[in-house]
């Protein structure tokens, strides 16, 4: 089962474990990703999760790896994220993209890893 969770700070709205269609997810993503700090995540079978977090200039794509929190991350634009969301629903899978970097999120940020080269 594919479920989503999201927080829209503009409307003080937060939900977890909601089942939606691909179209509903894309519409919601498009709506809430216009404001910094908002996020939307997609979980498959309560096992694999991809989260999209809106920063000021970018969207951080994060493959959450619990409990270690050593995650694959990348920055993407809105269209790239929408393509990823469509792919999750179409293939019923979450994949690691070649441009992703491995980030120990308890110790560093994606920017730290990128700047290390």
Protein backbone atom coordinates (compact mmCIF):
# COMPACT_ATOMS: atom_id res chain seq x y z
CA UNK A 1 0.00 0.00 0.00
CA UNK A 2 1.21 3.50 -0.82
CA UNK A 3 0.51 6.15 1.81
CA UNK A 4 1.58 9.75 2.18
CA UNK A 5 2.29 12.16 5.00
CA UNK A 6 2.77 15.88 4.76
CA UNK A 7 2.94 19.15 6.63
CA UNK A 8 1.79 22.45 5.18
CA UNK A 9 2.92 25.13 7.61
CA UNK A 10 1.09 27.86 5.69
CA UNK A 11 -2.26 26.29 6.67
CA UNK A 12 -1.06 24.59 9.87
CA UNK A 13 -2.11 21.29 8.32
CA UNK A 14 -0.41 17.96 8.98
CA UNK A 15 -1.50 14.41 8.11
CA UNK A 16 -0.01 10.92 8.29
CA UNK A 17 -0.79 7.56 6.66
CA UNK A 18 -3.27 8.77 4.06
CA UNK A 19 -4.00 6.70 0.97
CA UNK A 20 -4.24 8.83 -2.18
CA UNK A 21 -4.09 8.33 -5.93
CA UNK A 22 -1.14 9.41 -8.04
CA UNK A 23 -3.11 12.41 -9.31
CA UNK A 24 -4.12 13.47 -5.79
CA UNK A 25 -0.53 13.19 -4.61
CA UNK A 26 0.81 15.25 -7.52
CA UNK A 27 -1.83 17.94 -6.96
CA UNK A 28 -1.08 18.10 -3.25
CA UNK A 29 2.68 18.20 -3.87
CA UNK A 30 2.27 21.03 -6.36
CA UNK A 31 0.14 22.97 -3.89
CA UNK A 32 2.25 22.65 -0.74
CA UNK A 33 5.76 22.82 -2.22
CA UNK A 34 5.51 26.55 -2.84
CA UNK A 35 6.51 27.44 0.73
CA UNK A 36 9.75 26.71 2.61
CA UNK A 37 9.76 24.05 5.34
CA UNK A 38 6.74 22.22 3.92
CA UNK A 39 7.26 18.56 3.20
CA UNK A 40 5.56 15.54 1.70
CA UNK A 41 6.58 11.93 2.04
CA UNK A 42 5.51 8.74 0.32
CA UNK A 43 5.78 5.37 2.01
CA UNK A 44 5.39 1.95 0.40
CA UNK A 45 4.16 -0.86 2.66
CA UNK A 46 5.43 1.00 5.73
CA UNK A 47 8.95 0.03 4.66
CA UNK A 48 10.47 2.45 2.17
CA UNK A 49 9.99 6.22 2.32
CA UNK A 50 10.90 9.10 0.03
CA UNK A 51 10.45 12.59 1.42
CA UNK A 52 10.42 15.92 -0.37
CA UNK A 53 11.36 18.90 1.82
CA UNK A 54 11.01 22.45 0.51
CA UNK A 55 14.02 24.60 1.30
CA UNK A 56 14.25 28.25 0.29
CA UNK A 57 15.81 27.65 -3.14
CA UNK A 58 15.59 23.87 -3.56
CA UNK A 59 13.63 20.77 -2.83
CA UNK A 60 15.58 18.20 -0.84
CA UNK A 61 14.79 14.63 -1.86
CA UNK A 62 15.51 12.24 0.99
CA UNK A 63 15.30 8.44 1.06
CA UNK A 64 14.74 7.89 4.77
CA UNK A 65 16.74 5.00 6.22
CA UNK A 66 15.61 4.24 9.77
CA UNK A 67 17.03 3.82 12.32
CA UNK A 68 20.52 4.67 11.01
CA UNK A 69 19.51 7.92 9.27
CA UNK A 70 22.28 7.52 6.72
CA UNK A 71 20.14 8.58 3.80
CA UNK A 72 20.49 9.00 0.07
CA UNK A 73 19.75 12.64 -0.75
CA UNK A 74 19.73 15.04 -3.67
CA UNK A 75 18.30 18.39 -4.68
CA UNK A 76 15.69 18.52 -7.42
CA UNK A 77 13.36 21.02 -9.00
CA UNK A 78 9.58 20.74 -8.82
CA UNK A 79 9.21 18.96 -12.17
CA UNK A 80 11.90 16.40 -11.33
CA UNK A 81 10.16 15.70 -8.02
CA UNK A 82 6.80 15.31 -9.74
CA UNK A 83 8.39 12.84 -12.16
CA UNK A 84 9.79 10.88 -9.18
CA UNK A 85 6.37 10.83 -7.52
CA UNK A 86 4.73 9.56 -10.71
CA UNK A 87 7.41 6.87 -10.97
CA UNK A 88 6.79 5.72 -7.38
CA UNK A 89 3.09 5.26 -8.11
CA UNK A 90 3.65 3.73 -11.56
CA UNK A 91 6.30 1.21 -10.48
CA UNK A 92 5.24 0.73 -6.85
CA UNK A 93 8.87 1.21 -5.86
CA UNK A 94 11.28 3.80 -4.51
CA UNK A 95 14.67 3.84 -6.15
CA UNK A 96 18.02 5.44 -5.49
CA UNK A 97 18.91 7.92 -8.23
CA UNK A 98 22.48 8.13 -9.59
CA UNK A 99 22.89 11.78 -8.55
CA UNK A 100 22.06 11.02 -4.90
CA UNK A 101 24.71 11.33 -2.22
CA UNK A 102 24.92 9.27 0.96
CA UNK A 103 24.45 11.60 3.96
CA UNK A 104 24.79 10.78 7.65
CA UNK A 105 21.96 13.13 8.59
CA UNK A 106 22.82 13.15 12.31
CA UNK A 107 26.29 14.55 11.54
CA UNK A 108 26.13 16.45 8.25
CA UNK A 109 23.90 17.96 5.60
CA UNK A 110 23.73 17.31 1.88
CA UNK A 111 25.49 20.65 1.36
CA UNK A 112 28.33 19.46 3.62
CA UNK A 113 28.74 16.31 1.53
CA UNK A 114 28.60 18.25 -1.75
CA UNK A 115 31.15 20.80 -0.53
CA UNK A 116 33.55 18.04 0.56
CA UNK A 117 33.63 17.08 -3.09
